Structure formats: structure tokens, C-alpha cells
């Protein structure tokens, strides 16, 4: 089964829009600073198409904002009993967009990781278990196997 190609521009645009809508009513400025900083790294990854570091930093940033978003939601989610009807609707929309953004981040991490691998990233992360770092050793010549022509020429 082929993994669909999702553009890095689309990922940045969707997360930017959801972050803007999530900041409308109730989230603190630390939520906005954290998410927009990571999206700025995403813009860097778009601008430098060959940069492996930019995509890796964007991937790590999105992964970290998953945790910080959960903390922000847990601390700052207010009770909406005292809000007027208009403010209640704005709050619901803002909260829904922020939660939708959080739910899309793991999917975005998967697609960003695929882009990282396409750009030549060499870290092999095993999603089923403990992350492991492997290197492609196909280009190396083993020192145990000597070339037959050199060993037969030198008796």
C-alpha cells in the first residue's frame, strides 16, 4: 500500500490555521509562541528543500508541541458557566479547533517523518518499540574479505 504524498506546505498551512483559530478565545500566549515557533521551523523546512536538519527539527518540534498542548489544555481549560452566549460559541469553536490541531499532530508527525526519510535522513525510528539508530552499511567493504586478485599476486 502506497503512502499518499502530503505536501509540507499543506501541513504547515493547516496547523497555522488551527493554531490561529485555537488562540481566539482561551489559550495563553505560551501556546501561540510555542506553536508558531515550530511552524516557523516548518517554513524553514519548506524553503530549504534539501535540508535534513530542518525537517528533523520540525518533526521534533511538532512532537514536543503535542505534549505542551496537552499541558496547556489541562491547565487552562475553563468552566464555561459564566460566559455569555456569544462568548460561549467563540470558546467552543476555539477549543474545538485547538483540539483538532492536537489530534492531527501525530498524523503530521508520520508524514513529516516520511519526508525526512525521502530527504536522506538516516535515523531509523521503530514506532512499535524502542527507537533505534541504524546505518546503511551496504557501502562499506568488509575487512574480513580480501580481494582475490591482490592475494594471488602477492604469494
N, C-alpha and C. Protein backbone atom coordinates (compact mmCIF):
# COMPACT_ATOMS: atom_id res chain seq x y z
N UNK A 1 0.84 -1.18 0.00
CA UNK A 1 0.00 0.00 0.00
C UNK A 1 0.88 1.24 0.00
N UNK A 2 0.64 2.12 -0.92
CA UNK A 2 1.43 3.34 -1.08
C UNK A 2 0.95 4.41 -0.11
N UNK A 3 1.90 5.07 0.55
CA UNK A 3 1.58 6.18 1.45
C UNK A 3 1.36 7.42 0.60
N UNK A 4 0.22 8.13 0.78
CA UNK A 4 -0.01 9.31 -0.05
C UNK A 4 0.99 10.41 0.26
N UNK A 5 1.37 11.15 -0.77
CA UNK A 5 2.32 12.24 -0.60
C UNK A 5 1.56 13.47 -0.13
N UNK A 6 1.89 13.92 1.06
CA UNK A 6 1.29 15.13 1.63
C UNK A 6 2.37 16.21 1.60
N UNK A 7 2.01 17.35 1.10
CA UNK A 7 2.96 18.45 0.98
C UNK A 7 3.27 19.04 2.35
N UNK A 8 4.52 19.41 2.54
CA UNK A 8 4.92 20.08 3.76
C UNK A 8 4.22 21.43 3.89
N UNK A 9 3.96 22.06 2.76
CA UNK A 9 3.23 23.33 2.77
C UNK A 9 1.82 23.14 3.31
N UNK A 10 1.16 22.06 2.93
CA UNK A 10 -0.19 21.79 3.41
C UNK A 10 -0.21 21.54 4.91
N UNK A 11 0.79 20.82 5.41
CA UNK A 11 0.87 20.55 6.84
C UNK A 11 1.06 21.84 7.62
N UNK A 12 1.97 22.70 7.16
CA UNK A 12 2.22 23.97 7.85
C UNK A 12 0.97 24.85 7.78
N UNK A 13 0.34 24.92 6.63
CA UNK A 13 -0.84 25.76 6.48
C UNK A 13 -1.99 25.31 7.39
N UNK A 14 -2.26 24.02 7.44
CA UNK A 14 -3.35 23.50 8.27
C UNK A 14 -3.07 23.76 9.75
N UNK A 15 -1.85 23.51 10.19
CA UNK A 15 -1.52 23.74 11.61
C UNK A 15 -1.51 25.23 11.94
N UNK A 16 -1.09 26.06 11.00
CA UNK A 16 -1.13 27.50 11.24
C UNK A 16 -2.57 27.97 11.42
N UNK A 17 -3.45 27.53 10.54
CA UNK A 17 -4.85 27.93 10.62
C UNK A 17 -5.51 27.44 11.91
N UNK A 18 -5.26 26.19 12.27
CA UNK A 18 -5.85 25.66 13.50
C UNK A 18 -5.28 26.35 14.75
N UNK A 19 -4.00 26.73 14.70
CA UNK A 19 -3.41 27.45 15.83
C UNK A 19 -4.00 28.85 15.96
N UNK A 20 -4.19 29.53 14.85
CA UNK A 20 -4.81 30.86 14.88
C UNK A 20 -6.22 30.77 15.46
N UNK A 21 -6.99 29.81 14.98
CA UNK A 21 -8.35 29.65 15.49
C UNK A 21 -8.36 29.19 16.94
N UNK A 22 -7.38 28.39 17.33
CA UNK A 22 -7.31 27.93 18.72
C UNK A 22 -6.95 29.04 19.69
N UNK A 23 -6.25 30.04 19.22
CA UNK A 23 -5.82 31.16 20.09
C UNK A 23 -6.89 32.24 20.22
N UNK A 24 -8.04 32.09 19.59
CA UNK A 24 -9.03 33.15 19.58
C UNK A 24 -9.62 33.46 20.94
N UNK A 25 -9.79 32.49 21.81
CA UNK A 25 -10.61 32.75 22.98
C UNK A 25 -9.94 32.46 24.31
N UNK A 26 -9.19 31.40 24.45
CA UNK A 26 -8.88 30.98 25.81
C UNK A 26 -7.45 30.53 26.06
N UNK A 27 -6.70 30.23 25.06
CA UNK A 27 -5.34 29.72 25.30
C UNK A 27 -4.37 30.87 25.56
N UNK A 28 -3.36 30.62 26.42
CA UNK A 28 -2.41 31.70 26.75
C UNK A 28 -1.42 31.95 25.62
N UNK A 29 -0.63 32.99 25.78
CA UNK A 29 0.34 33.35 24.74
C UNK A 29 1.45 32.30 24.61
N UNK A 30 1.71 31.53 25.65
CA UNK A 30 2.74 30.49 25.55
C UNK A 30 2.35 29.42 24.54
N UNK A 31 1.05 29.14 24.42
CA UNK A 31 0.57 28.20 23.40
C UNK A 31 0.88 28.74 22.01
N UNK A 32 0.56 30.02 21.81
CA UNK A 32 0.80 30.64 20.50
C UNK A 32 2.29 30.70 20.19
N UNK A 33 3.11 31.12 21.14
CA UNK A 33 4.56 31.21 20.90
C UNK A 33 5.15 29.85 20.56
N UNK A 34 4.77 28.83 21.30
CA UNK A 34 5.31 27.50 21.04
C UNK A 34 4.93 26.96 19.68
N UNK A 35 3.66 27.06 19.34
CA UNK A 35 3.19 26.51 18.07
C UNK A 35 3.68 27.32 16.88
N UNK A 36 3.65 28.65 16.98
CA UNK A 36 4.11 29.46 15.85
C UNK A 36 5.63 29.36 15.66
N UNK A 37 6.36 29.13 16.73
CA UNK A 37 7.81 28.92 16.59
C UNK A 37 8.10 27.64 15.82
N UNK A 38 7.36 26.59 16.14
CA UNK A 38 7.54 25.33 15.43
C UNK A 38 7.11 25.48 13.96
N UNK A 39 6.06 26.23 13.73
CA UNK A 39 5.63 26.46 12.34
C UNK A 39 6.65 27.29 11.57
N UNK A 40 7.38 28.16 12.25
CA UNK A 40 8.46 28.91 11.59
C UNK A 40 9.57 27.95 11.15
N UNK A 41 9.85 26.94 11.96
CA UNK A 41 10.82 25.92 11.55
C UNK A 41 10.28 25.14 10.36
N UNK A 42 8.97 24.94 10.31
CA UNK A 42 8.35 24.29 9.16
C UNK A 42 8.51 25.12 7.89
N UNK A 43 8.41 26.43 8.01
CA UNK A 43 8.64 27.31 6.86
C UNK A 43 10.09 27.19 6.41
N UNK A 44 11.00 27.08 7.36
CA UNK A 44 12.41 26.87 7.03
C UNK A 44 12.58 25.55 6.26
N UNK A 45 11.88 24.50 6.70
CA UNK A 45 11.96 23.21 6.01
C UNK A 45 11.39 23.29 4.60
N UNK A 46 10.39 24.14 4.40
CA UNK A 46 9.84 24.34 3.06
C UNK A 46 10.84 25.10 2.19
N UNK A 47 11.46 26.13 2.75
CA UNK A 47 12.37 26.98 1.99
C UNK A 47 13.64 26.23 1.56
N UNK A 48 14.15 25.38 2.42
CA UNK A 48 15.36 24.62 2.09
C UNK A 48 14.97 23.17 1.83
N UNK A 49 14.71 22.89 0.59
CA UNK A 49 14.20 21.57 0.20
C UNK A 49 15.19 20.44 0.43
N UNK A 50 16.48 20.74 0.51
CA UNK A 50 17.49 19.70 0.68
C UNK A 50 17.93 19.52 2.12
N UNK A 51 17.43 20.35 3.03
CA UNK A 51 17.90 20.33 4.41
C UNK A 51 17.25 19.20 5.20
N UNK A 52 18.08 18.30 5.66
CA UNK A 52 17.60 17.21 6.51
C UNK A 52 17.37 17.74 7.92
N UNK A 53 18.23 18.67 8.36
CA UNK A 53 18.11 19.21 9.71
C UNK A 53 16.81 19.97 9.91
N UNK A 54 16.38 20.72 8.91
CA UNK A 54 15.15 21.49 9.04
C UNK A 54 13.94 20.58 9.24
N UNK A 55 13.87 19.50 8.47
CA UNK A 55 12.75 18.58 8.60
C UNK A 55 12.81 17.84 9.93
N UNK A 56 14.01 17.45 10.37
CA UNK A 56 14.14 16.77 11.65
C UNK A 56 13.75 17.69 12.80
N UNK A 57 14.17 18.95 12.75
CA UNK A 57 13.79 19.89 13.81
C UNK A 57 12.28 20.16 13.79
N UNK A 58 11.67 20.21 12.61
CA UNK A 58 10.23 20.39 12.52
C UNK A 58 9.51 19.18 13.11
N UNK A 59 10.00 17.99 12.82
CA UNK A 59 9.42 16.77 13.36
C UNK A 59 9.51 16.76 14.89
N UNK A 60 10.67 17.07 15.41
CA UNK A 60 10.85 17.09 16.87
C UNK A 60 9.98 18.18 17.50
N UNK A 61 9.90 19.34 16.84
CA UNK A 61 9.07 20.43 17.36
C UNK A 61 7.60 20.06 17.42
N UNK A 62 7.08 19.44 16.37
CA UNK A 62 5.68 19.01 16.36
C UNK A 62 5.45 17.98 17.47
N UNK A 63 6.39 17.06 17.65
CA UNK A 63 6.25 16.05 18.70
C UNK A 63 6.25 16.69 20.09
N UNK A 64 7.09 17.69 20.30
CA UNK A 64 7.13 18.36 21.61
C UNK A 64 5.85 19.16 21.84
N UNK A 65 5.32 19.79 20.79
CA UNK A 65 4.10 20.57 20.99
C UNK A 65 2.88 19.69 21.28
N UNK A 66 2.95 18.41 20.94
CA UNK A 66 1.87 17.51 21.36
C UNK A 66 1.79 17.49 22.88
N UNK A 67 2.93 17.33 23.52
CA UNK A 67 2.96 17.31 24.99
C UNK A 67 2.59 18.67 25.58
N UNK A 68 3.13 19.75 25.03
CA UNK A 68 2.83 21.07 25.60
C UNK A 68 1.37 21.45 25.38
N UNK A 69 0.78 21.04 24.25
CA UNK A 69 -0.64 21.32 24.03
C UNK A 69 -1.50 20.59 25.06
N UNK A 70 -1.18 19.36 25.37
CA UNK A 70 -1.93 18.62 26.38
C UNK A 70 -1.83 19.31 27.73
N UNK A 71 -0.65 19.80 28.06
CA UNK A 71 -0.46 20.52 29.33
C UNK A 71 -1.27 21.82 29.33
N UNK A 72 -1.21 22.57 28.23
CA UNK A 72 -1.99 23.80 28.14
C UNK A 72 -3.48 23.54 28.28
N UNK A 73 -3.98 22.52 27.62
CA UNK A 73 -5.41 22.22 27.69
C UNK A 73 -5.80 21.82 29.11
N UNK A 74 -4.96 21.04 29.75
CA UNK A 74 -5.27 20.60 31.11
C UNK A 74 -5.27 21.74 32.12
N UNK A 75 -4.38 22.69 31.96
CA UNK A 75 -4.27 23.78 32.93
C UNK A 75 -5.28 24.89 32.64
N UNK A 76 -5.44 25.25 31.37
CA UNK A 76 -6.19 26.46 31.03
C UNK A 76 -7.62 26.21 30.55
N UNK A 77 -8.06 24.98 30.48
CA UNK A 77 -9.44 24.76 30.02
C UNK A 77 -10.40 25.24 31.09
N UNK A 78 -11.17 26.31 30.82
CA UNK A 78 -12.02 26.88 31.88
C UNK A 78 -13.41 26.25 31.91
N UNK A 79 -14.10 26.51 32.99
CA UNK A 79 -15.51 26.18 33.07
C UNK A 79 -16.27 27.29 32.37
N UNK A 80 -17.24 26.95 31.54
CA UNK A 80 -17.89 27.96 30.71
C UNK A 80 -19.25 28.37 31.28
N UNK A 81 -19.48 28.22 32.56
CA UNK A 81 -20.77 28.55 33.15
C UNK A 81 -21.08 30.04 33.09
N UNK A 82 -20.10 30.91 33.33
CA UNK A 82 -20.34 32.34 33.42
C UNK A 82 -20.22 33.09 32.12
N UNK A 83 -20.06 32.42 31.00
CA UNK A 83 -19.87 33.11 29.72
C UNK A 83 -21.21 33.45 29.08
N UNK A 84 -21.24 34.55 28.35
CA UNK A 84 -22.43 34.89 27.58
C UNK A 84 -22.55 33.93 26.40
N UNK A 85 -23.70 33.98 25.73
CA UNK A 85 -23.94 33.03 24.62
C UNK A 85 -22.93 33.23 23.48
N UNK A 86 -22.63 34.49 23.15
CA UNK A 86 -21.66 34.76 22.07
C UNK A 86 -20.26 34.29 22.47
N UNK A 87 -19.86 34.60 23.70
CA UNK A 87 -18.54 34.16 24.17
C UNK A 87 -18.47 32.65 24.29
N UNK A 88 -19.56 32.01 24.62
CA UNK A 88 -19.60 30.55 24.73
C UNK A 88 -19.39 29.92 23.36
N UNK A 89 -20.00 30.48 22.33
CA UNK A 89 -19.82 29.95 20.97
C UNK A 89 -18.38 30.14 20.49
N UNK A 90 -17.81 31.30 20.76
CA UNK A 90 -16.41 31.55 20.39
C UNK A 90 -15.49 30.60 21.12
N UNK A 91 -15.76 30.38 22.41
CA UNK A 91 -14.95 29.45 23.19
C UNK A 91 -15.04 28.04 22.62
N UNK A 92 -16.23 27.59 22.30
CA UNK A 92 -16.41 26.23 21.76
C UNK A 92 -15.68 26.06 20.43
N UNK A 93 -15.80 27.06 19.56
CA UNK A 93 -15.10 27.00 18.28
C UNK A 93 -13.59 26.96 18.49
N UNK A 94 -13.08 27.85 19.34
CA UNK A 94 -11.65 27.92 19.60
C UNK A 94 -11.14 26.63 20.22
N UNK A 95 -11.86 26.12 21.19
CA UNK A 95 -11.45 24.86 21.83
C UNK A 95 -11.49 23.70 20.84
N UNK A 96 -12.52 23.67 20.01
CA UNK A 96 -12.62 22.60 19.03
C UNK A 96 -11.48 22.62 18.02
N UNK A 97 -11.11 23.80 17.57
CA UNK A 97 -10.01 23.90 16.60
C UNK A 97 -8.66 23.55 17.25
N UNK A 98 -8.47 23.96 18.49
CA UNK A 98 -7.22 23.63 19.18
C UNK A 98 -7.12 22.11 19.42
N UNK A 99 -8.22 21.49 19.78
CA UNK A 99 -8.22 20.04 19.99
C UNK A 99 -8.05 19.31 18.66
N UNK A 100 -8.68 19.79 17.61
CA UNK A 100 -8.49 19.19 16.28
C UNK A 100 -7.03 19.29 15.84
N UNK A 101 -6.41 20.44 16.11
CA UNK A 101 -4.99 20.59 15.79
C UNK A 101 -4.13 19.59 16.55
N UNK A 102 -4.47 19.37 17.82
CA UNK A 102 -3.74 18.39 18.62
C UNK A 102 -3.93 16.98 18.07
N UNK A 103 -5.13 16.65 17.65
CA UNK A 103 -5.39 15.31 17.11
C UNK A 103 -4.70 15.08 15.77
N UNK A 104 -4.49 16.14 15.00
CA UNK A 104 -3.82 15.99 13.70
C UNK A 104 -2.29 15.94 13.81
N UNK A 105 -1.74 16.35 14.94
CA UNK A 105 -0.28 16.39 15.06
C UNK A 105 0.39 15.02 14.95
N UNK A 106 -0.13 13.95 15.54
CA UNK A 106 0.53 12.65 15.32
C UNK A 106 0.51 12.21 13.85
N UNK A 107 -0.57 12.51 13.15
CA UNK A 107 -0.64 12.18 11.72
C UNK A 107 0.40 13.00 10.95
N UNK A 108 0.51 14.28 11.32
CA UNK A 108 1.51 15.14 10.68
C UNK A 108 2.92 14.63 10.97
N UNK A 109 3.17 14.16 12.19
CA UNK A 109 4.49 13.61 12.52
C UNK A 109 4.82 12.43 11.61
N UNK A 110 3.85 11.58 11.34
CA UNK A 110 4.08 10.45 10.45
C UNK A 110 4.50 10.91 9.06
N UNK A 111 3.77 11.88 8.50
CA UNK A 111 4.09 12.36 7.16
C UNK A 111 5.40 13.14 7.13
N UNK A 112 5.70 13.89 8.17
CA UNK A 112 6.97 14.62 8.24
C UNK A 112 8.13 13.63 8.35
N UNK A 113 7.93 12.54 9.08
CA UNK A 113 8.97 11.51 9.17
C UNK A 113 9.22 10.89 7.80
N UNK A 114 8.16 10.67 7.02
CA UNK A 114 8.34 10.14 5.67
C UNK A 114 9.13 11.11 4.79
N UNK A 115 8.87 12.40 4.94
CA UNK A 115 9.62 13.41 4.20
C UNK A 115 11.09 13.44 4.64
N UNK A 116 11.30 13.24 5.92
CA UNK A 116 12.67 13.18 6.44
C UNK A 116 13.41 12.01 5.81
N UNK A 117 12.77 10.87 5.70
CA UNK A 117 13.40 9.70 5.07
C UNK A 117 13.65 9.95 3.58
N UNK A 118 12.73 10.64 2.90
CA UNK A 118 12.90 10.94 1.48
C UNK A 118 14.07 11.88 1.24
N UNK A 119 14.33 12.76 2.18
CA UNK A 119 15.44 13.72 2.03
C UNK A 119 16.78 13.10 2.41
N UNK A 120 16.77 11.87 2.85
CA UNK A 120 18.02 11.20 3.13
C UNK A 120 18.34 11.05 4.60
N UNK A 121 17.36 11.22 5.45
CA UNK A 121 17.58 11.03 6.88
C UNK A 121 17.93 9.59 7.18
N UNK A 122 18.85 9.36 8.11
CA UNK A 122 19.32 8.01 8.35
C UNK A 122 18.95 7.45 9.71
N UNK A 123 18.13 8.14 10.48
CA UNK A 123 17.69 7.60 11.75
C UNK A 123 16.50 6.71 11.50
N UNK A 124 16.59 5.49 11.96
CA UNK A 124 15.50 4.53 11.79
C UNK A 124 14.75 4.45 13.09
N UNK A 125 13.56 5.03 13.15
CA UNK A 125 12.76 5.01 14.35
C UNK A 125 11.76 3.89 14.23
N UNK A 126 11.79 3.00 15.18
CA UNK A 126 10.86 1.88 15.20
C UNK A 126 9.65 2.31 16.02
N UNK A 127 8.51 2.52 15.37
CA UNK A 127 7.32 3.01 16.06
C UNK A 127 6.71 1.97 16.99
N UNK A 128 7.03 0.69 16.79
CA UNK A 128 6.44 -0.35 17.61
C UNK A 128 7.20 -0.55 18.92
N UNK A 129 8.38 -0.04 19.04
CA UNK A 129 9.15 -0.28 20.25
C UNK A 129 10.09 0.85 20.56
N UNK A 130 11.25 0.47 21.06
CA UNK A 130 12.26 1.45 21.46
C UNK A 130 12.94 2.00 20.21
N UNK A 131 13.11 3.33 20.13
CA UNK A 131 13.81 3.90 18.96
C UNK A 131 15.23 3.36 18.87
N UNK A 132 15.64 3.06 17.65
CA UNK A 132 17.00 2.57 17.44
C UNK A 132 17.62 3.35 16.29
N UNK A 133 18.92 3.50 16.37
CA UNK A 133 19.65 4.21 15.33
C UNK A 133 20.43 3.17 14.54
N UNK A 134 20.18 3.14 13.23
CA UNK A 134 20.90 2.21 12.36
C UNK A 134 21.52 2.99 11.22
N UNK A 135 22.55 2.39 10.64
CA UNK A 135 23.19 2.99 9.50
C UNK A 135 23.18 1.99 8.35
N UNK A 136 23.14 2.51 7.15
CA UNK A 136 23.20 1.67 5.98
C UNK A 136 24.66 1.26 5.77
N UNK A 137 24.95 -0.01 5.87
CA UNK A 137 26.32 -0.50 5.78
C UNK A 137 26.60 -1.17 4.44
N UNK A 138 25.75 -0.94 3.45
CA UNK A 138 25.96 -1.55 2.13
C UNK A 138 27.18 -0.98 1.41
N UNK A 139 27.51 0.27 1.70
CA UNK A 139 28.61 0.92 1.00
C UNK A 139 29.98 0.56 1.59
N UNK A 140 30.01 -0.11 2.73
CA UNK A 140 31.28 -0.46 3.37
C UNK A 140 31.80 -1.80 2.88
N UNK A 141 33.11 -1.89 2.78
CA UNK A 141 33.73 -3.15 2.40
C UNK A 141 34.23 -3.82 3.67
N UNK A 142 33.95 -5.07 3.80
CA UNK A 142 34.36 -5.81 4.99
C UNK A 142 35.87 -6.04 4.97
N UNK A 143 36.52 -5.94 6.13
CA UNK A 143 37.97 -6.18 6.19
C UNK A 143 38.27 -7.67 6.28
N UNK A 144 37.25 -8.50 6.51
CA UNK A 144 37.45 -9.94 6.57
C UNK A 144 37.62 -10.54 5.17
N UNK A 145 37.03 -9.93 4.18
CA UNK A 145 37.11 -10.45 2.82
C UNK A 145 38.18 -9.68 2.06
N UNK A 146 39.25 -10.39 1.67
CA UNK A 146 40.30 -9.74 0.91
C UNK A 146 40.06 -9.97 -0.57
N UNK A 147 40.50 -9.02 -1.36
CA UNK A 147 40.35 -9.12 -2.80
C UNK A 147 41.21 -10.28 -3.28
N UNK A 148 40.67 -11.18 -4.10
CA UNK A 148 41.37 -12.36 -4.59
C UNK A 148 42.53 -12.01 -5.50
N UNK A 149 42.41 -10.92 -6.25
CA UNK A 149 43.49 -10.55 -7.17
C UNK A 149 44.73 -10.10 -6.42
N UNK A 150 44.57 -9.40 -5.32
CA UNK A 150 45.74 -8.92 -4.58
C UNK A 150 46.38 -10.05 -3.79
N UNK A 151 45.60 -11.01 -3.31
CA UNK A 151 46.19 -12.10 -2.53
C UNK A 151 46.90 -13.10 -3.42
N UNK A 152 46.43 -13.31 -4.66
CA UNK A 152 47.09 -14.24 -5.56
C UNK A 152 48.34 -13.61 -6.20
N UNK A 153 48.36 -12.28 -6.32
CA UNK A 153 49.50 -11.62 -6.90
C UNK A 153 50.66 -11.55 -5.92
N UNK A 154 50.39 -11.54 -4.64
CA UNK A 154 51.43 -11.49 -3.60
C UNK A 154 51.46 -12.81 -2.86
N UNK A 155 52.33 -13.76 -3.27
CA UNK A 155 52.37 -15.09 -2.61
C UNK A 155 52.99 -15.04 -1.24
